[in-house]
Each structure stands twice: as structure tokens, then as C-alpha cells.
Amino acid sequence: MELARINLALAILLFSKAVILHAGGDSGPVDWAGDLDPPPKEKLTYLHFYFHDVPSGHHETAFKIAEATITNKSDTLFGLLVAADDPLTVGPEPTSRMIGRAQGIYALASREETTLLLAMYYYFTEGKYNGSSISIFGRNAVAHKHREMPVVGGTGVFRLARGYALSTHYSSDVENGDIIEFNVTVFHY
């Protein structure tokens, strides 16, 4: 009987040691990730392009989808909601080479000054950024010549993007709408 208890204790001890060795107990914590590659290094990219928002005329790219009862009485068009599918180009001319589209919505969100709440993604359709996008969500104070908005995400090359977009009003007219110059700084993986 004593020999049976010793054999059982020895068997339990050996089994426990095997489990500990197999789990890496003698060599530190278990690496459950196995042979996964380390995360990639963060990259920094600068983008420069022009945004063409045309709310009227023959080549409309921005359309009113809703408005508040106060909108038509407001100097700032407060309460107006617009859906946009605007071209992004290399240069300021409407005929310049198109490199993508800015798609999303903006709402006129201030009673005191013309200010947009902008929620758009900028989808690139050519070059090394083809199929990639950045998302911008934030306040766009239209009355100011220079504006800063946050980059809050991205896809493709710009996965996990963060950064900021600086926009400058370039020109406005009835035929071509508003042309805005963008300089974007994007951190991504």
C-alpha cells in the first residue's frame, strides 16, 4: 500500500512537471502569439490635393438631403444637411487629374458663423494609394480661410490612420462651386 502511494505521488509529480515544461513554465511566460511577426512600424505620409464641392449647376456633387424649419431664416443656414460625392484632384482646376472622391455628409451646425460638422471619407482611386481612404470628422469653420480638422481613421495603406487635415479656401464661383486645397498629415501602419 505504501509503495502504491509513492508510485501515485511520483506519477502526479512527473505529470505535473511535464505539463509545466510543455507550457513553458520553466522558461518564463507562455508566448500565445506563437510565431507572429512584430507589429509594423508606424509611417508618416503627407498628402496634397484639391477638393471640389459643387452644390449647384450642371455638375452638382453636393445635394441637400434635409433642413430644419429655421434653415431658410438663418444667415448661416443652420440645420442644413448635405450629402456629397466630391472629386479630389491633383490641381485646383476642375479639369485636373482626378485622384479620388470625398464622400459623406456635412451639416451646417452653428447659428453664429458658417460652420460645418464634417463626416467624410476621402477615397483614393489611383497610384500607390489606390483603394485606400482616410476619414475626417470634425468642425470646419467655413468663414476662416485656414481650417484644421482631425483624421480619425483609414483603410488600406492608411489602416489605423490618425492625423490632421489643413484646408484652405482656394476659390468659389457658381459654375465650379467651392475649391478647397488640402494638406494632410497622416500617421498609419
N, C-alpha and C. Protein backbone atom coordinates (compact mmCIF):
# COMPACT_ATOMS: atom_id res chain seq x y z
N MET A 1 0.82 -1.17 0.00
CA MET A 1 0.00 0.00 0.00
C MET A 1 0.87 1.25 0.00
N GLU A 2 1.90 1.26 0.81
CA GLU A 2 2.83 2.38 0.87
C GLU A 2 3.51 2.58 -0.47
N LEU A 3 3.89 1.54 -1.13
CA LEU A 3 4.54 1.61 -2.43
C LEU A 3 3.57 2.16 -3.48
N ALA A 4 2.30 1.83 -3.41
CA ALA A 4 1.30 2.33 -4.34
C ALA A 4 1.13 3.84 -4.20
N ARG A 5 1.14 4.32 -2.93
CA ARG A 5 1.02 5.77 -2.72
C ARG A 5 2.25 6.51 -3.23
N ILE A 6 3.40 5.94 -3.07
CA ILE A 6 4.63 6.57 -3.55
C ILE A 6 4.61 6.62 -5.07
N ASN A 7 4.20 5.52 -5.72
CA ASN A 7 4.12 5.48 -7.18
C ASN A 7 3.11 6.51 -7.70
N LEU A 8 1.95 6.63 -7.03
CA LEU A 8 0.94 7.60 -7.43
C LEU A 8 1.47 9.02 -7.28
N ALA A 9 2.12 9.31 -6.16
CA ALA A 9 2.70 10.64 -5.93
C ALA A 9 3.77 10.94 -6.97
N LEU A 10 4.60 9.95 -7.28
CA LEU A 10 5.65 10.11 -8.28
C LEU A 10 5.02 10.36 -9.66
N ALA A 11 3.97 9.63 -9.99
CA ALA A 11 3.30 9.79 -11.28
C ALA A 11 2.69 11.19 -11.38
N ILE A 12 2.06 11.67 -10.30
CA ILE A 12 1.48 13.01 -10.30
C ILE A 12 2.57 14.06 -10.45
N LEU A 13 3.66 13.88 -9.75
CA LEU A 13 4.78 14.82 -9.83
C LEU A 13 5.35 14.86 -11.25
N LEU A 14 5.58 13.71 -11.86
CA LEU A 14 6.13 13.66 -13.21
C LEU A 14 5.15 14.27 -14.23
N PHE A 15 3.84 13.98 -14.06
CA PHE A 15 2.83 14.54 -14.95
C PHE A 15 2.80 16.06 -14.82
N SER A 16 2.84 16.55 -13.58
CA SER A 16 2.83 18.00 -13.35
C SER A 16 4.05 18.65 -13.97
N LYS A 17 5.22 18.03 -13.83
CA LYS A 17 6.45 18.57 -14.41
C LYS A 17 6.36 18.61 -15.93
N ALA A 18 5.77 17.58 -16.53
CA ALA A 18 5.62 17.54 -17.98
C ALA A 18 4.69 18.66 -18.46
N VAL A 19 3.59 18.89 -17.75
CA VAL A 19 2.65 19.96 -18.10
C VAL A 19 3.34 21.31 -17.99
N ILE A 20 4.08 21.52 -16.92
CA ILE A 20 4.79 22.80 -16.72
C ILE A 20 5.83 23.01 -17.80
N LEU A 21 6.61 21.99 -18.14
CA LEU A 21 7.61 22.12 -19.19
C LEU A 21 6.97 22.39 -20.54
N HIS A 22 5.87 21.68 -20.84
CA HIS A 22 5.19 21.86 -22.12
C HIS A 22 4.61 23.27 -22.24
N ALA A 23 4.12 23.83 -21.15
CA ALA A 23 3.54 25.16 -21.16
C ALA A 23 4.58 26.26 -21.07
N GLY A 24 5.84 25.89 -20.96
CA GLY A 24 6.90 26.88 -20.88
C GLY A 24 7.11 27.40 -19.47
N GLY A 25 6.64 26.70 -18.48
CA GLY A 25 6.74 27.14 -17.09
C GLY A 25 8.15 27.34 -16.60
N ASP A 26 9.10 26.57 -17.11
CA ASP A 26 10.49 26.72 -16.67
C ASP A 26 11.22 27.82 -17.43
N SER A 27 10.64 28.28 -18.55
CA SER A 27 11.36 29.27 -19.36
C SER A 27 10.63 30.61 -19.41
N GLY A 28 9.78 30.89 -18.43
CA GLY A 28 9.07 32.16 -18.39
C GLY A 28 7.66 32.02 -18.91
N PRO A 29 7.02 33.14 -19.17
CA PRO A 29 5.61 33.13 -19.59
C PRO A 29 5.44 32.49 -20.97
N VAL A 30 4.27 31.96 -21.20
CA VAL A 30 3.95 31.34 -22.47
C VAL A 30 3.69 32.42 -23.51
N ASP A 31 4.27 32.26 -24.70
CA ASP A 31 4.04 33.17 -25.81
C ASP A 31 2.90 32.63 -26.64
N TRP A 32 1.66 33.05 -26.31
CA TRP A 32 0.49 32.52 -27.01
C TRP A 32 0.42 33.02 -28.44
N ALA A 33 1.15 34.06 -28.80
CA ALA A 33 1.12 34.58 -30.17
C ALA A 33 1.91 33.68 -31.11
N GLY A 34 2.73 32.81 -30.56
CA GLY A 34 3.49 31.89 -31.41
C GLY A 34 4.49 32.63 -32.26
N ASP A 35 4.46 32.35 -33.56
CA ASP A 35 5.45 32.91 -34.48
C ASP A 35 4.94 34.12 -35.25
N LEU A 36 4.03 34.90 -34.66
CA LEU A 36 3.52 36.08 -35.34
C LEU A 36 4.62 37.12 -35.49
N ASP A 37 4.54 37.86 -36.60
CA ASP A 37 5.50 38.93 -36.83
C ASP A 37 5.23 40.07 -35.86
N PRO A 38 6.25 40.83 -35.48
CA PRO A 38 6.01 42.00 -34.62
C PRO A 38 5.18 43.02 -35.40
N PRO A 39 4.49 43.91 -34.69
CA PRO A 39 3.68 44.91 -35.40
C PRO A 39 4.56 45.78 -36.29
N PRO A 40 4.01 46.24 -37.42
CA PRO A 40 4.81 47.07 -38.32
C PRO A 40 5.11 48.43 -37.70
N LYS A 41 6.13 49.07 -38.21
CA LYS A 41 6.50 50.41 -37.75
C LYS A 41 5.48 51.43 -38.28
N GLU A 42 5.21 52.44 -37.48
CA GLU A 42 4.30 53.49 -37.90
C GLU A 42 4.95 54.34 -38.99
N LYS A 43 4.15 54.74 -39.98
CA LYS A 43 4.63 55.55 -41.10
C LYS A 43 4.00 56.94 -41.03
N LEU A 44 4.62 57.88 -41.70
CA LEU A 44 4.11 59.25 -41.79
C LEU A 44 3.99 59.59 -43.27
N THR A 45 2.80 60.03 -43.68
CA THR A 45 2.55 60.39 -45.08
C THR A 45 1.94 61.78 -45.13
N TYR A 46 2.41 62.57 -46.11
CA TYR A 46 1.85 63.89 -46.38
C TYR A 46 1.08 63.82 -47.69
N LEU A 47 -0.15 64.29 -47.68
CA LEU A 47 -0.99 64.30 -48.87
C LEU A 47 -1.34 65.74 -49.24
N HIS A 48 -1.40 66.01 -50.54
CA HIS A 48 -1.80 67.33 -51.02
C HIS A 48 -2.74 67.11 -52.19
N PHE A 49 -3.93 67.72 -52.12
CA PHE A 49 -4.91 67.58 -53.19
C PHE A 49 -5.93 68.71 -53.09
N TYR A 50 -6.81 68.77 -54.08
CA TYR A 50 -7.87 69.77 -54.12
C TYR A 50 -9.22 69.07 -54.10
N PHE A 51 -10.15 69.68 -53.39
CA PHE A 51 -11.49 69.17 -53.16
C PHE A 51 -12.46 70.09 -53.88
N HIS A 52 -13.36 69.54 -54.69
CA HIS A 52 -14.30 70.34 -55.48
C HIS A 52 -15.73 70.06 -55.02
N ASP A 53 -16.33 70.99 -54.29
CA ASP A 53 -17.70 70.84 -53.79
C ASP A 53 -18.61 71.74 -54.63
N VAL A 54 -19.49 71.13 -55.41
CA VAL A 54 -20.34 71.88 -56.33
C VAL A 54 -21.80 71.67 -55.94
N PRO A 55 -22.38 72.62 -55.17
CA PRO A 55 -23.75 72.44 -54.69
C PRO A 55 -24.84 72.88 -55.67
N SER A 56 -24.47 73.42 -56.83
CA SER A 56 -25.48 73.83 -57.81
C SER A 56 -24.87 73.79 -59.20
N GLY A 57 -25.71 73.93 -60.22
CA GLY A 57 -25.23 73.95 -61.60
C GLY A 57 -25.40 72.59 -62.27
N HIS A 58 -24.73 72.44 -63.41
CA HIS A 58 -24.87 71.22 -64.21
C HIS A 58 -24.05 70.04 -63.68
N HIS A 59 -23.05 70.31 -62.89
CA HIS A 59 -22.16 69.25 -62.40
C HIS A 59 -22.22 69.12 -60.89
N GLU A 60 -23.42 69.15 -60.34
CA GLU A 60 -23.60 69.09 -58.88
C GLU A 60 -22.92 67.86 -58.28
N THR A 61 -22.26 68.08 -57.15
CA THR A 61 -21.64 66.98 -56.42
C THR A 61 -22.12 66.93 -54.97
N ALA A 62 -22.86 67.96 -54.54
CA ALA A 62 -23.36 68.04 -53.16
C ALA A 62 -24.86 68.35 -53.21
N PHE A 63 -25.65 67.56 -52.45
CA PHE A 63 -27.10 67.67 -52.52
C PHE A 63 -27.71 67.81 -51.13
N LYS A 64 -28.64 68.76 -51.02
CA LYS A 64 -29.37 68.95 -49.76
C LYS A 64 -30.22 67.70 -49.53
N ILE A 65 -30.11 67.11 -48.33
CA ILE A 65 -30.94 65.95 -48.01
C ILE A 65 -31.94 66.23 -46.89
N ALA A 66 -31.72 67.31 -46.13
CA ALA A 66 -32.66 67.69 -45.08
C ALA A 66 -32.34 69.11 -44.63
N GLU A 67 -33.36 69.75 -44.03
CA GLU A 67 -33.12 71.06 -43.43
C GLU A 67 -34.11 71.26 -42.29
N ALA A 68 -33.70 72.08 -41.34
CA ALA A 68 -34.55 72.41 -40.19
C ALA A 68 -35.53 73.52 -40.58
N THR A 69 -36.55 73.71 -39.78
CA THR A 69 -37.52 74.77 -40.06
C THR A 69 -36.87 76.15 -39.99
N ILE A 70 -35.78 76.28 -39.26
CA ILE A 70 -35.09 77.56 -39.10
C ILE A 70 -34.09 77.85 -40.24
N THR A 71 -33.73 76.85 -41.03
CA THR A 71 -32.64 76.98 -42.01
C THR A 71 -32.81 78.18 -42.94
N ASN A 72 -33.96 78.34 -43.54
CA ASN A 72 -34.17 79.44 -44.50
C ASN A 72 -34.21 80.82 -43.85
N LYS A 73 -34.38 80.88 -42.53
CA LYS A 73 -34.39 82.16 -41.80
C LYS A 73 -33.01 82.48 -41.21
N SER A 74 -32.09 81.55 -41.31
CA SER A 74 -30.78 81.68 -40.68
C SER A 74 -29.75 82.23 -41.66
N ASP A 75 -28.93 83.18 -41.19
CA ASP A 75 -27.84 83.72 -42.02
C ASP A 75 -26.76 82.67 -42.28
N THR A 76 -26.67 81.67 -41.42
CA THR A 76 -25.63 80.65 -41.53
C THR A 76 -26.15 79.33 -42.11
N LEU A 77 -27.42 79.30 -42.51
CA LEU A 77 -28.08 78.08 -43.00
C LEU A 77 -28.08 76.97 -41.96
N PHE A 78 -28.13 77.38 -40.71
CA PHE A 78 -28.13 76.44 -39.59
C PHE A 78 -29.20 75.35 -39.79
N GLY A 79 -28.80 74.09 -39.60
CA GLY A 79 -29.73 72.97 -39.70
C GLY A 79 -29.77 72.30 -41.06
N LEU A 80 -29.01 72.79 -42.04
CA LEU A 80 -28.97 72.17 -43.37
C LEU A 80 -28.07 70.94 -43.34
N LEU A 81 -28.53 69.86 -43.94
CA LEU A 81 -27.76 68.61 -44.03
C LEU A 81 -27.54 68.28 -45.50
N VAL A 82 -26.28 68.03 -45.87
CA VAL A 82 -25.89 67.83 -47.26
C VAL A 82 -25.13 66.51 -47.41
N ALA A 83 -25.46 65.76 -48.48
CA ALA A 83 -24.67 64.58 -48.86
C ALA A 83 -23.78 64.98 -50.03
N ALA A 84 -22.53 64.54 -49.99
CA ALA A 84 -21.58 64.95 -51.03
C ALA A 84 -20.81 63.76 -51.59
N ASP A 85 -20.49 63.88 -52.86
CA ASP A 85 -19.61 62.94 -53.56
C ASP A 85 -18.72 63.80 -54.45
N ASP A 86 -17.69 64.38 -53.83
CA ASP A 86 -16.88 65.42 -54.46
C ASP A 86 -15.58 64.87 -55.03
N PRO A 87 -15.18 65.34 -56.22
CA PRO A 87 -13.90 64.91 -56.79
C PRO A 87 -12.71 65.48 -56.01
N LEU A 88 -11.66 64.68 -55.94
CA LEU A 88 -10.35 65.11 -55.43
C LEU A 88 -9.41 65.13 -56.62
N THR A 89 -8.69 66.24 -56.79
CA THR A 89 -7.82 66.37 -57.95
C THR A 89 -6.41 66.78 -57.54
N VAL A 90 -5.49 66.61 -58.47
CA VAL A 90 -4.08 66.97 -58.25
C VAL A 90 -3.92 68.49 -58.21
N GLY A 91 -4.63 69.18 -59.08
CA GLY A 91 -4.54 70.64 -59.15
C GLY A 91 -5.88 71.28 -58.88
N PRO A 92 -5.91 72.61 -58.81
CA PRO A 92 -7.16 73.31 -58.49
C PRO A 92 -8.16 73.38 -59.63
N GLU A 93 -7.73 73.19 -60.86
CA GLU A 93 -8.63 73.26 -62.00
C GLU A 93 -9.59 72.07 -61.98
N PRO A 94 -10.87 72.29 -62.26
CA PRO A 94 -11.83 71.19 -62.32
C PRO A 94 -11.45 70.11 -63.33
N THR A 95 -10.65 70.48 -64.34
CA THR A 95 -10.21 69.51 -65.36
C THR A 95 -8.92 68.79 -64.97
N SER A 96 -8.37 69.13 -63.81
CA SER A 96 -7.14 68.50 -63.34
C SER A 96 -7.36 67.00 -63.12
N ARG A 97 -6.29 66.23 -63.15
CA ARG A 97 -6.38 64.77 -62.99
C ARG A 97 -7.04 64.40 -61.67
N MET A 98 -8.09 63.58 -61.75
CA MET A 98 -8.81 63.15 -60.55
C MET A 98 -8.06 61.99 -59.90
N ILE A 99 -7.90 62.07 -58.56
CA ILE A 99 -7.19 61.02 -57.82
C ILE A 99 -8.07 60.33 -56.79
N GLY A 100 -9.33 60.78 -56.68
CA GLY A 100 -10.21 60.15 -55.71
C GLY A 100 -11.50 60.92 -55.54
N ARG A 101 -12.24 60.54 -54.48
CA ARG A 101 -13.52 61.17 -54.18
C ARG A 101 -13.62 61.39 -52.68
N ALA A 102 -14.28 62.49 -52.30
CA ALA A 102 -14.63 62.75 -50.91
C ALA A 102 -16.11 62.46 -50.80
N GLN A 103 -16.47 61.48 -49.99
CA GLN A 103 -17.86 61.05 -49.90
C GLN A 103 -18.31 61.08 -48.45
N GLY A 104 -19.51 61.64 -48.22
CA GLY A 104 -20.03 61.69 -46.87
C GLY A 104 -21.08 62.76 -46.71
N ILE A 105 -21.17 63.28 -45.50
CA ILE A 105 -22.18 64.30 -45.21
C ILE A 105 -21.55 65.47 -44.46
N TYR A 106 -22.21 66.61 -44.58
CA TYR A 106 -21.87 67.74 -43.71
C TYR A 106 -23.14 68.47 -43.34
N ALA A 107 -23.13 69.00 -42.13
CA ALA A 107 -24.28 69.74 -41.60
C ALA A 107 -23.82 71.12 -41.19
N LEU A 108 -24.63 72.12 -41.50
CA LEU A 108 -24.34 73.47 -41.02
C LEU A 108 -24.77 73.51 -39.56
N ALA A 109 -23.79 73.66 -38.67
CA ALA A 109 -24.01 73.36 -37.26
C ALA A 109 -23.81 74.53 -36.30
N SER A 110 -23.83 75.76 -36.81
CA SER A 110 -23.65 76.91 -35.92
C SER A 110 -24.64 78.00 -36.30
N ARG A 111 -25.19 78.64 -35.28
CA ARG A 111 -26.08 79.77 -35.51
C ARG A 111 -25.30 81.07 -35.68
N GLU A 112 -24.07 81.13 -35.15
CA GLU A 112 -23.30 82.36 -35.15
C GLU A 112 -22.41 82.55 -36.38
N GLU A 113 -21.84 81.46 -36.91
CA GLU A 113 -20.97 81.57 -38.08
C GLU A 113 -21.18 80.36 -38.97
N THR A 114 -20.82 80.47 -40.23
CA THR A 114 -20.99 79.35 -41.15
C THR A 114 -19.94 78.29 -40.80
N THR A 115 -20.41 77.26 -40.14
CA THR A 115 -19.54 76.19 -39.66
C THR A 115 -20.18 74.85 -39.96
N LEU A 116 -19.38 73.95 -40.51
CA LEU A 116 -19.87 72.61 -40.84
C LEU A 116 -19.42 71.60 -39.80
N LEU A 117 -20.26 70.62 -39.57
CA LEU A 117 -19.83 69.38 -38.92
C LEU A 117 -19.60 68.44 -40.09
N LEU A 118 -18.35 68.08 -40.32
CA LEU A 118 -17.95 67.31 -41.49
C LEU A 118 -17.71 65.86 -41.11
N ALA A 119 -18.33 64.94 -41.82
CA ALA A 119 -18.12 63.50 -41.63
C ALA A 119 -17.95 62.89 -43.02
N MET A 120 -16.69 62.77 -43.45
CA MET A 120 -16.43 62.30 -44.82
C MET A 120 -15.23 61.38 -44.86
N TYR A 121 -15.26 60.49 -45.86
CA TYR A 121 -14.05 59.73 -46.12
C TYR A 121 -13.53 60.13 -47.50
N TYR A 122 -12.23 60.17 -47.59
CA TYR A 122 -11.52 60.59 -48.79
C TYR A 122 -10.92 59.32 -49.38
N TYR A 123 -11.52 58.86 -50.48
CA TYR A 123 -11.19 57.57 -51.08
C TYR A 123 -10.33 57.82 -52.30
N PHE A 124 -9.13 57.20 -52.31
CA PHE A 124 -8.18 57.43 -53.40
C PHE A 124 -8.32 56.33 -54.46
N THR A 125 -8.27 56.72 -55.74
CA THR A 125 -8.57 55.80 -56.82
C THR A 125 -7.41 55.57 -57.78
N GLU A 126 -6.24 56.07 -57.46
CA GLU A 126 -5.10 55.80 -58.35
C GLU A 126 -3.78 55.91 -57.60
N GLY A 127 -2.73 55.43 -58.26
CA GLY A 127 -1.40 55.47 -57.68
C GLY A 127 -1.23 54.50 -56.52
N LYS A 128 -0.22 54.75 -55.70
CA LYS A 128 0.08 53.83 -54.61
C LYS A 128 -0.98 53.84 -53.51
N TYR A 129 -1.88 54.84 -53.51
CA TYR A 129 -2.95 54.90 -52.50
C TYR A 129 -4.28 54.38 -53.05
N ASN A 130 -4.28 53.83 -54.28
CA ASN A 130 -5.49 53.31 -54.90
C ASN A 130 -6.19 52.31 -53.98
N GLY A 131 -7.47 52.56 -53.70
CA GLY A 131 -8.24 51.67 -52.84
C GLY A 131 -8.14 51.98 -51.36
N SER A 132 -7.34 52.96 -51.00
CA SER A 132 -7.17 53.36 -49.59
C SER A 132 -7.98 54.61 -49.31
N SER A 133 -8.28 54.84 -48.03
CA SER A 133 -9.04 56.04 -47.68
C SER A 133 -8.61 56.57 -46.32
N ILE A 134 -8.92 57.84 -46.10
CA ILE A 134 -8.80 58.45 -44.78
C ILE A 134 -10.17 59.00 -44.40
N SER A 135 -10.47 59.00 -43.11
CA SER A 135 -11.74 59.54 -42.63
C SER A 135 -11.48 60.80 -41.83
N ILE A 136 -12.24 61.84 -42.15
CA ILE A 136 -12.13 63.12 -41.45
C ILE A 136 -13.48 63.40 -40.80
N PHE A 137 -13.44 63.70 -39.53
CA PHE A 137 -14.66 64.00 -38.79
C PHE A 137 -14.36 65.17 -37.86
N GLY A 138 -15.04 66.29 -38.07
CA GLY A 138 -14.79 67.41 -37.17
C GLY A 138 -15.41 68.70 -37.66
N ARG A 139 -15.05 69.76 -36.97
CA ARG A 139 -15.57 71.11 -37.21
C ARG A 139 -14.80 71.75 -38.35
N ASN A 140 -15.55 72.32 -39.29
CA ASN A 140 -14.96 73.01 -40.43
C ASN A 140 -15.55 74.42 -40.46
N ALA A 141 -14.81 75.39 -39.93
CA ALA A 141 -15.28 76.78 -39.86
C ALA A 141 -15.07 77.44 -41.21
N VAL A 142 -16.08 77.37 -42.05
CA VAL A 142 -16.01 77.82 -43.44
C VAL A 142 -15.61 79.28 -43.56
N ALA A 143 -16.00 80.12 -42.61
CA ALA A 143 -15.69 81.55 -42.68
C ALA A 143 -14.20 81.83 -42.52
N HIS A 144 -13.44 80.89 -41.99
CA HIS A 144 -12.00 81.08 -41.80
C HIS A 144 -11.28 80.61 -43.06
N LYS A 145 -10.27 81.35 -43.47
CA LYS A 145 -9.52 80.96 -44.67
C LYS A 145 -8.80 79.63 -44.45
N HIS A 146 -8.21 79.44 -43.27
CA HIS A 146 -7.48 78.20 -42.97
C HIS A 146 -8.22 77.44 -41.88
N ARG A 147 -8.41 76.13 -42.09
CA ARG A 147 -9.11 75.29 -41.12
C ARG A 147 -8.30 74.04 -40.82
N GLU A 148 -8.47 73.51 -39.60
CA GLU A 148 -7.81 72.26 -39.21
C GLU A 148 -8.88 71.28 -38.73
N MET A 149 -8.80 70.05 -39.27
CA MET A 149 -9.76 69.01 -38.90
C MET A 149 -9.01 67.71 -38.61
N PRO A 150 -9.56 66.86 -37.73
CA PRO A 150 -8.85 65.63 -37.38
C PRO A 150 -9.08 64.50 -38.39
N VAL A 151 -8.01 63.76 -38.67
CA VAL A 151 -8.11 62.48 -39.38
C VAL A 151 -8.33 61.43 -38.30
N VAL A 152 -9.45 60.71 -38.38
CA VAL A 152 -9.83 59.80 -37.30
C VAL A 152 -9.74 58.32 -37.66
N GLY A 153 -9.33 58.01 -38.88
CA GLY A 153 -9.22 56.61 -39.27
C GLY A 153 -8.85 56.49 -40.73
N GLY A 154 -8.74 55.24 -41.18
CA GLY A 154 -8.40 55.00 -42.57
C GLY A 154 -8.46 53.53 -42.90
N THR A 155 -8.32 53.24 -44.19
CA THR A 155 -8.32 51.87 -44.68
C THR A 155 -7.17 51.67 -45.65
N GLY A 156 -6.89 50.41 -45.97
CA GLY A 156 -5.84 50.09 -46.94
C GLY A 156 -4.49 50.54 -46.43
N VAL A 157 -3.76 51.29 -47.26
CA VAL A 157 -2.45 51.82 -46.87
C VAL A 157 -2.55 52.64 -45.59
N PHE A 158 -3.70 53.28 -45.38
CA PHE A 158 -3.88 54.17 -44.23
C PHE A 158 -4.59 53.51 -43.06
N ARG A 159 -4.49 52.20 -42.94
CA ARG A 159 -5.12 51.48 -41.83
C ARG A 159 -4.65 52.07 -40.49
N LEU A 160 -5.59 52.26 -39.59
CA LEU A 160 -5.34 52.84 -38.26
C LEU A 160 -4.81 54.27 -38.34
N ALA A 161 -5.23 55.01 -39.36
CA ALA A 161 -4.74 56.39 -39.56
C ALA A 161 -5.19 57.31 -38.44
N ARG A 162 -4.33 58.27 -38.19
CA ARG A 162 -4.64 59.39 -37.29
C ARG A 162 -3.80 60.56 -37.79
N GLY A 163 -4.26 61.75 -37.55
CA GLY A 163 -3.52 62.91 -38.02
C GLY A 163 -4.41 64.12 -38.11
N TYR A 164 -4.07 65.01 -39.05
CA TYR A 164 -4.86 66.22 -39.20
C TYR A 164 -4.83 66.68 -40.65
N ALA A 165 -5.90 67.38 -41.02
CA ALA A 165 -6.02 67.96 -42.36
C ALA A 165 -6.10 69.47 -42.22
N LEU A 166 -5.28 70.15 -42.96
CA LEU A 166 -5.33 71.61 -43.04
C LEU A 166 -5.96 71.96 -44.38
N SER A 167 -7.05 72.69 -44.35
CA SER A 167 -7.69 73.07 -45.60
C SER A 167 -7.68 74.59 -45.74
N THR A 168 -7.56 75.03 -46.98
CA THR A 168 -7.53 76.45 -47.31
C THR A 168 -8.49 76.69 -48.46
N HIS A 169 -9.34 77.70 -48.30
CA HIS A 169 -10.26 78.05 -49.37
C HIS A 169 -9.45 78.56 -50.55
N TYR A 170 -9.64 77.95 -51.72
CA TYR A 170 -8.89 78.34 -52.91
C TYR A 170 -9.72 79.29 -53.78
N SER A 171 -10.98 78.89 -54.10
CA SER A 171 -11.83 79.76 -54.90
C SER A 171 -13.28 79.30 -54.82
N SER A 172 -14.20 80.20 -55.23
CA SER A 172 -15.63 79.90 -55.30
C SER A 172 -16.22 80.60 -56.50
N ASP A 173 -17.09 79.90 -57.21
CA ASP A 173 -17.91 80.54 -58.23
C ASP A 173 -19.11 79.64 -58.50
N VAL A 174 -20.10 80.19 -59.18
CA VAL A 174 -21.36 79.48 -59.41
C VAL A 174 -21.14 78.20 -60.21
N GLU A 175 -20.31 78.25 -61.24
CA GLU A 175 -20.10 77.10 -62.13
C GLU A 175 -19.29 75.98 -61.48
N ASN A 176 -18.20 76.34 -60.79
CA ASN A 176 -17.28 75.33 -60.25
C ASN A 176 -17.45 75.09 -58.75
N GLY A 177 -18.33 75.83 -58.10
CA GLY A 177 -18.54 75.64 -56.66
C GLY A 177 -17.35 76.09 -55.85
N ASP A 178 -17.13 75.41 -54.73
CA ASP A 178 -16.00 75.73 -53.84
C ASP A 178 -14.85 74.79 -54.12
N ILE A 179 -13.68 75.37 -54.29
CA ILE A 179 -12.46 74.58 -54.47
C ILE A 179 -11.61 74.81 -53.23
N ILE A 180 -11.28 73.71 -52.56
CA ILE A 180 -10.55 73.76 -51.30
C ILE A 180 -9.24 73.00 -51.45
N GLU A 181 -8.15 73.62 -51.03
CA GLU A 181 -6.84 72.96 -51.03
C GLU A 181 -6.65 72.22 -49.71
N PHE A 182 -6.21 70.97 -49.78
CA PHE A 182 -5.96 70.16 -48.59
C PHE A 182 -4.49 69.78 -48.48
N ASN A 183 -3.96 69.94 -47.27
CA ASN A 183 -2.65 69.41 -46.89
C ASN A 183 -2.91 68.52 -45.68
N VAL A 184 -2.63 67.23 -45.83
CA VAL A 184 -3.00 66.25 -44.80
C VAL A 184 -1.75 65.56 -44.30
N THR A 185 -1.64 65.46 -42.98
CA THR A 185 -0.55 64.72 -42.33
C THR A 185 -1.18 63.49 -41.69
N VAL A 186 -0.71 62.30 -42.11
CA VAL A 186 -1.32 61.05 -41.67
C VAL A 186 -0.26 60.13 -41.08
N PHE A 187 -0.50 59.67 -39.84
CA PHE A 187 0.29 58.61 -39.23
C PHE A 187 -0.51 57.32 -39.43
N HIS A 188 0.15 56.26 -39.89
CA HIS A 188 -0.54 54.99 -40.17
C HIS A 188 0.45 53.84 -40.13
N TYR A 189 -0.08 52.62 -40.27
CA TYR A 189 0.77 51.42 -40.28
C TYR A 189 0.81 50.80 -41.65
